[in-house]
Amino acid sequence: MEGDLRRATTRMSGMDEPIAFPVCGCGFPAQLKISWSNDNPGRRFFGCKNYGSLVHLSCRFFSWFDPPMTPRARVIILGLLKRLRADEVQRRKERVCWIFILILCVALILY
């Protein structure tokens, strides 16, 4: 879907030039979002701010901001995400273990 010819501009931190945000079918400037799908991990796109909202009907506006990634970049990013998720799972397991130990200690003290 293509956006309206109107544009809203703003400056983003770390960027020298203003970004022109397309106006979606709802009449609002589209939001700059990040895709975390396996096909486009870390790739930014413009999307309707109401997309997925249960309150507002979204216009489903979508337009890529970043160019397509190279296959090598996609493999590297997906590998890093997989490692990050594995680390998060391990930390959760350790936290649950420590909570269980704490509960056992408190139970032993009270009985």
N, C-alpha and C. Protein backbone atom coordinates (compact mmCIF):
# COMPACT_ATOMS: atom_id res chain seq x y z
N MET A 1 0.84 -1.18 0.00
CA MET A 1 0.00 0.00 0.00
C MET A 1 0.88 1.24 0.00
N GLU A 2 0.56 2.18 -0.81
CA GLU A 2 1.34 3.41 -0.84
C GLU A 2 0.65 4.48 -0.03
N GLY A 3 1.45 5.31 0.58
CA GLY A 3 0.93 6.38 1.42
C GLY A 3 0.56 7.60 0.63
N ASP A 4 -0.03 8.49 1.27
CA ASP A 4 -0.43 9.78 0.78
C ASP A 4 0.83 10.56 0.39
N LEU A 5 0.72 11.53 -0.50
CA LEU A 5 1.86 12.34 -0.88
C LEU A 5 2.29 13.29 0.23
N ARG A 6 1.41 13.55 1.18
CA ARG A 6 1.78 14.40 2.30
C ARG A 6 2.83 13.69 3.13
N ARG A 7 3.72 14.46 3.72
CA ARG A 7 4.77 13.87 4.55
C ARG A 7 4.89 14.67 5.84
N ALA A 8 5.20 13.98 6.92
CA ALA A 8 5.52 14.65 8.17
C ALA A 8 7.01 14.44 8.37
N THR A 9 7.75 15.49 8.67
CA THR A 9 9.19 15.35 8.84
C THR A 9 9.58 15.54 10.29
N THR A 10 10.63 14.84 10.68
CA THR A 10 11.17 14.98 12.03
C THR A 10 12.63 14.59 11.99
N ARG A 11 13.38 15.02 12.98
CA ARG A 11 14.78 14.62 13.10
C ARG A 11 14.87 13.50 14.13
N MET A 12 15.65 12.49 13.80
CA MET A 12 15.87 11.40 14.73
C MET A 12 17.28 11.52 15.27
N SER A 13 17.47 11.14 16.52
CA SER A 13 18.79 11.24 17.13
C SER A 13 19.79 10.40 16.33
N GLY A 14 20.98 10.95 16.15
CA GLY A 14 22.02 10.26 15.43
C GLY A 14 21.94 10.42 13.92
N MET A 15 20.96 11.14 13.43
CA MET A 15 20.84 11.32 12.00
C MET A 15 20.94 12.81 11.67
N ASP A 16 21.66 13.12 10.60
CA ASP A 16 21.87 14.52 10.23
C ASP A 16 20.67 15.14 9.53
N GLU A 17 20.00 14.34 8.72
CA GLU A 17 18.90 14.89 7.93
C GLU A 17 17.56 14.46 8.49
N PRO A 18 16.54 15.31 8.30
CA PRO A 18 15.21 14.91 8.78
C PRO A 18 14.67 13.75 7.96
N ILE A 19 13.82 12.95 8.59
CA ILE A 19 13.17 11.82 7.92
C ILE A 19 11.76 12.23 7.56
N ALA A 20 11.36 11.94 6.34
CA ALA A 20 9.99 12.20 5.91
C ALA A 20 9.15 10.97 6.24
N PHE A 21 8.23 11.12 7.18
CA PHE A 21 7.33 10.03 7.55
C PHE A 21 6.11 10.09 6.63
N PRO A 22 5.83 9.01 5.91
CA PRO A 22 4.63 9.01 5.07
C PRO A 22 3.37 9.08 5.92
N VAL A 23 2.34 9.64 5.36
CA VAL A 23 1.05 9.72 6.05
C VAL A 23 0.21 8.54 5.59
N CYS A 24 -0.25 7.75 6.54
CA CYS A 24 -1.01 6.55 6.19
C CYS A 24 -2.48 6.91 5.91
N GLY A 25 -3.27 5.90 5.60
CA GLY A 25 -4.67 6.11 5.27
C GLY A 25 -5.51 6.66 6.41
N CYS A 26 -5.01 6.55 7.65
CA CYS A 26 -5.72 7.08 8.81
C CYS A 26 -5.54 8.59 8.93
N GLY A 27 -4.60 9.14 8.16
CA GLY A 27 -4.35 10.57 8.21
C GLY A 27 -3.26 10.97 9.20
N PHE A 28 -2.62 9.99 9.82
CA PHE A 28 -1.55 10.26 10.78
C PHE A 28 -0.21 9.91 10.16
N PRO A 29 0.87 10.53 10.64
CA PRO A 29 2.19 10.09 10.17
C PRO A 29 2.41 8.63 10.59
N ALA A 30 2.90 7.83 9.66
CA ALA A 30 3.18 6.44 9.97
C ALA A 30 4.32 6.36 10.98
N GLN A 31 4.36 5.29 11.76
CA GLN A 31 5.42 5.10 12.75
C GLN A 31 6.55 4.29 12.14
N LEU A 32 7.77 4.60 12.54
CA LEU A 32 8.92 3.83 12.12
C LEU A 32 9.07 2.67 13.10
N LYS A 33 8.98 1.44 12.59
CA LYS A 33 9.01 0.24 13.43
C LYS A 33 10.13 -0.67 12.96
N ILE A 34 10.41 -1.71 13.74
CA ILE A 34 11.46 -2.67 13.40
C ILE A 34 10.86 -4.05 13.25
N SER A 35 11.19 -4.72 12.15
CA SER A 35 10.74 -6.08 11.92
C SER A 35 11.69 -7.05 12.62
N TRP A 36 11.13 -8.06 13.29
CA TRP A 36 11.95 -9.11 13.88
C TRP A 36 11.58 -10.46 13.29
N SER A 37 11.06 -10.45 12.07
CA SER A 37 10.75 -11.72 11.40
C SER A 37 12.05 -12.38 10.93
N ASN A 38 11.99 -13.68 10.63
CA ASN A 38 13.18 -14.38 10.15
C ASN A 38 13.63 -13.86 8.78
N ASP A 39 12.72 -13.37 7.98
CA ASP A 39 13.07 -12.87 6.65
C ASP A 39 13.68 -11.47 6.69
N ASN A 40 13.31 -10.66 7.67
CA ASN A 40 13.77 -9.27 7.73
C ASN A 40 14.14 -8.83 9.15
N PRO A 41 15.04 -9.55 9.84
CA PRO A 41 15.36 -9.19 11.21
C PRO A 41 16.09 -7.85 11.30
N GLY A 42 15.56 -6.96 12.13
CA GLY A 42 16.21 -5.67 12.33
C GLY A 42 15.95 -4.64 11.24
N ARG A 43 15.18 -4.99 10.24
CA ARG A 43 14.90 -4.07 9.14
C ARG A 43 13.76 -3.14 9.53
N ARG A 44 13.97 -1.84 9.32
CA ARG A 44 12.96 -0.86 9.72
C ARG A 44 11.93 -0.63 8.61
N PHE A 45 10.71 -0.32 9.04
CA PHE A 45 9.62 -0.05 8.09
C PHE A 45 8.67 0.96 8.69
N PHE A 46 7.92 1.60 7.81
CA PHE A 46 6.85 2.50 8.24
C PHE A 46 5.57 1.68 8.32
N GLY A 47 4.81 1.88 9.39
CA GLY A 47 3.54 1.19 9.54
C GLY A 47 2.51 2.09 10.20
N CYS A 48 1.27 1.78 9.97
CA CYS A 48 0.17 2.53 10.58
C CYS A 48 0.29 2.44 12.09
N LYS A 49 0.14 3.56 12.77
CA LYS A 49 0.25 3.55 14.24
C LYS A 49 -0.88 2.76 14.89
N ASN A 50 -1.98 2.56 14.18
CA ASN A 50 -3.11 1.83 14.72
C ASN A 50 -3.08 0.34 14.36
N TYR A 51 -2.03 -0.12 13.66
CA TYR A 51 -1.98 -1.51 13.24
C TYR A 51 -2.02 -2.44 14.46
N GLY A 52 -2.92 -3.39 14.44
CA GLY A 52 -3.04 -4.34 15.53
C GLY A 52 -3.87 -3.84 16.71
N SER A 53 -4.35 -2.61 16.64
CA SER A 53 -5.13 -2.04 17.73
C SER A 53 -6.53 -2.63 17.73
N LEU A 54 -7.01 -2.97 18.91
CA LEU A 54 -8.37 -3.48 19.01
C LEU A 54 -9.39 -2.35 19.04
N VAL A 55 -8.91 -1.14 19.39
CA VAL A 55 -9.80 0.00 19.52
C VAL A 55 -10.03 0.67 18.16
N HIS A 56 -8.95 0.86 17.41
CA HIS A 56 -9.05 1.55 16.12
C HIS A 56 -8.89 0.55 14.98
N LEU A 57 -9.61 0.80 13.92
CA LEU A 57 -9.41 0.02 12.71
C LEU A 57 -8.20 0.60 11.99
N SER A 58 -7.22 -0.22 11.71
CA SER A 58 -6.02 0.30 11.07
C SER A 58 -6.18 0.23 9.55
N CYS A 59 -5.41 1.07 8.89
CA CYS A 59 -5.46 1.09 7.43
C CYS A 59 -4.49 0.09 6.83
N ARG A 60 -3.68 -0.56 7.67
CA ARG A 60 -2.70 -1.57 7.26
C ARG A 60 -1.62 -0.99 6.36
N PHE A 61 -1.34 0.31 6.51
CA PHE A 61 -0.28 0.94 5.72
C PHE A 61 1.07 0.30 6.05
N PHE A 62 1.89 0.07 5.02
CA PHE A 62 3.20 -0.55 5.19
C PHE A 62 4.13 -0.07 4.08
N SER A 63 5.34 0.31 4.46
CA SER A 63 6.35 0.71 3.48
C SER A 63 7.73 0.51 4.11
N TRP A 64 8.66 -0.14 3.40
CA TRP A 64 10.00 -0.35 3.94
C TRP A 64 10.76 0.96 4.02
N PHE A 65 11.52 1.16 5.10
CA PHE A 65 12.41 2.31 5.26
C PHE A 65 13.82 1.91 4.86
N ASP A 66 14.27 0.73 5.32
CA ASP A 66 15.61 0.23 5.01
C ASP A 66 15.59 -0.60 3.74
N PRO A 67 16.71 -0.63 3.02
CA PRO A 67 16.81 -1.51 1.86
C PRO A 67 16.87 -2.97 2.31
N PRO A 68 16.65 -3.93 1.41
CA PRO A 68 16.73 -5.34 1.79
C PRO A 68 18.12 -5.68 2.33
N MET A 69 18.15 -6.65 3.24
CA MET A 69 19.42 -7.10 3.81
C MET A 69 20.08 -8.11 2.92
N THR A 70 21.40 -8.20 3.06
CA THR A 70 22.12 -9.25 2.34
C THR A 70 21.87 -10.57 3.06
N PRO A 71 21.98 -11.68 2.36
CA PRO A 71 21.78 -12.97 3.03
C PRO A 71 22.75 -13.16 4.20
N ARG A 72 23.98 -12.69 4.08
CA ARG A 72 24.97 -12.84 5.16
C ARG A 72 24.54 -12.06 6.41
N ALA A 73 24.07 -10.83 6.22
CA ALA A 73 23.62 -10.02 7.35
C ALA A 73 22.45 -10.69 8.05
N ARG A 74 21.55 -11.27 7.28
CA ARG A 74 20.38 -11.96 7.86
C ARG A 74 20.83 -13.14 8.72
N VAL A 75 21.79 -13.93 8.23
CA VAL A 75 22.30 -15.08 8.97
C VAL A 75 22.95 -14.63 10.28
N ILE A 76 23.75 -13.57 10.21
CA ILE A 76 24.44 -13.09 11.41
C ILE A 76 23.44 -12.59 12.44
N ILE A 77 22.48 -11.78 12.02
CA ILE A 77 21.50 -11.23 12.97
C ILE A 77 20.66 -12.34 13.58
N LEU A 78 20.21 -13.29 12.76
CA LEU A 78 19.41 -14.39 13.31
C LEU A 78 20.23 -15.22 14.29
N GLY A 79 21.52 -15.43 14.03
CA GLY A 79 22.38 -16.17 14.95
C GLY A 79 22.53 -15.43 16.27
N LEU A 80 22.71 -14.12 16.21
CA LEU A 80 22.82 -13.33 17.44
C LEU A 80 21.52 -13.35 18.24
N LEU A 81 20.38 -13.25 17.53
CA LEU A 81 19.08 -13.31 18.22
C LEU A 81 18.88 -14.66 18.89
N LYS A 82 19.28 -15.74 18.22
CA LYS A 82 19.14 -17.08 18.78
C LYS A 82 19.99 -17.20 20.06
N ARG A 83 21.22 -16.68 20.01
CA ARG A 83 22.09 -16.73 21.20
C ARG A 83 21.50 -15.89 22.33
N LEU A 84 20.96 -14.72 22.00
CA LEU A 84 20.36 -13.86 23.01
C LEU A 84 19.18 -14.54 23.68
N ARG A 85 18.33 -15.18 22.88
CA ARG A 85 17.17 -15.88 23.44
C ARG A 85 17.60 -17.04 24.33
N ALA A 86 18.65 -17.77 23.92
CA ALA A 86 19.14 -18.88 24.73
C ALA A 86 19.68 -18.37 26.07
N ASP A 87 20.39 -17.24 26.04
CA ASP A 87 20.90 -16.65 27.28
C ASP A 87 19.76 -16.22 28.20
N GLU A 88 18.69 -15.65 27.62
CA GLU A 88 17.53 -15.23 28.42
C GLU A 88 16.85 -16.43 29.07
N VAL A 89 16.73 -17.53 28.34
CA VAL A 89 16.13 -18.75 28.88
C VAL A 89 16.97 -19.27 30.04
N GLN A 90 18.29 -19.27 29.87
CA GLN A 90 19.18 -19.74 30.93
C GLN A 90 19.06 -18.87 32.19
N ARG A 91 19.01 -17.55 32.00
CA ARG A 91 18.86 -16.64 33.16
C ARG A 91 17.53 -16.88 33.87
N ARG A 92 16.47 -17.13 33.14
CA ARG A 92 15.17 -17.41 33.77
C ARG A 92 15.24 -18.69 34.59
N LYS A 93 15.89 -19.73 34.04
CA LYS A 93 16.02 -20.99 34.78
C LYS A 93 16.80 -20.77 36.07
N GLU A 94 17.88 -19.99 35.98
CA GLU A 94 18.69 -19.72 37.19
C GLU A 94 17.88 -18.94 38.22
N ARG A 95 17.09 -17.97 37.76
CA ARG A 95 16.26 -17.18 38.67
C ARG A 95 15.25 -18.07 39.38
N VAL A 96 14.60 -18.96 38.64
CA VAL A 96 13.62 -19.88 39.23
C VAL A 96 14.30 -20.78 40.25
N CYS A 97 15.50 -21.24 39.93
CA CYS A 97 16.24 -22.10 40.86
C CYS A 97 16.54 -21.36 42.16
N TRP A 98 17.00 -20.12 42.06
CA TRP A 98 17.30 -19.34 43.26
C TRP A 98 16.04 -19.04 44.07
N ILE A 99 14.95 -18.79 43.41
CA ILE A 99 13.69 -18.55 44.13
C ILE A 99 13.27 -19.81 44.87
N PHE A 100 13.42 -20.95 44.22
CA PHE A 100 13.07 -22.23 44.85
C PHE A 100 13.95 -22.46 46.09
N ILE A 101 15.25 -22.20 45.97
CA ILE A 101 16.16 -22.35 47.11
C ILE A 101 15.77 -21.41 48.24
N LEU A 102 15.43 -20.17 47.90
CA LEU A 102 15.00 -19.19 48.91
C LEU A 102 13.74 -19.67 49.63
N ILE A 103 12.78 -20.17 48.88
CA ILE A 103 11.53 -20.67 49.48
C ILE A 103 11.84 -21.84 50.41
N LEU A 104 12.73 -22.75 50.00
CA LEU A 104 13.10 -23.87 50.85
C LEU A 104 13.76 -23.40 52.15
N CYS A 105 14.65 -22.41 52.04
CA CYS A 105 15.32 -21.88 53.24
C CYS A 105 14.31 -21.25 54.20
N VAL A 106 13.40 -20.48 53.66
CA VAL A 106 12.37 -19.83 54.50
C VAL A 106 11.49 -20.90 55.15
N ALA A 107 11.15 -21.94 54.39
CA ALA A 107 10.33 -23.01 54.94
C ALA A 107 11.05 -23.75 56.05
N LEU A 108 12.35 -23.98 55.89
CA LEU A 108 13.12 -24.68 56.92
C LEU A 108 13.24 -23.81 58.18
N ILE A 109 13.37 -22.51 58.01
CA ILE A 109 13.47 -21.61 59.16
C ILE A 109 12.14 -21.57 59.92
N LEU A 110 11.03 -21.55 59.21
CA LEU A 110 9.73 -21.44 59.85
C LEU A 110 9.31 -22.74 60.52
N TYR A 111 9.78 -23.88 60.07
CA TYR A 111 9.36 -25.15 60.66
C TYR A 111 10.37 -25.59 61.61
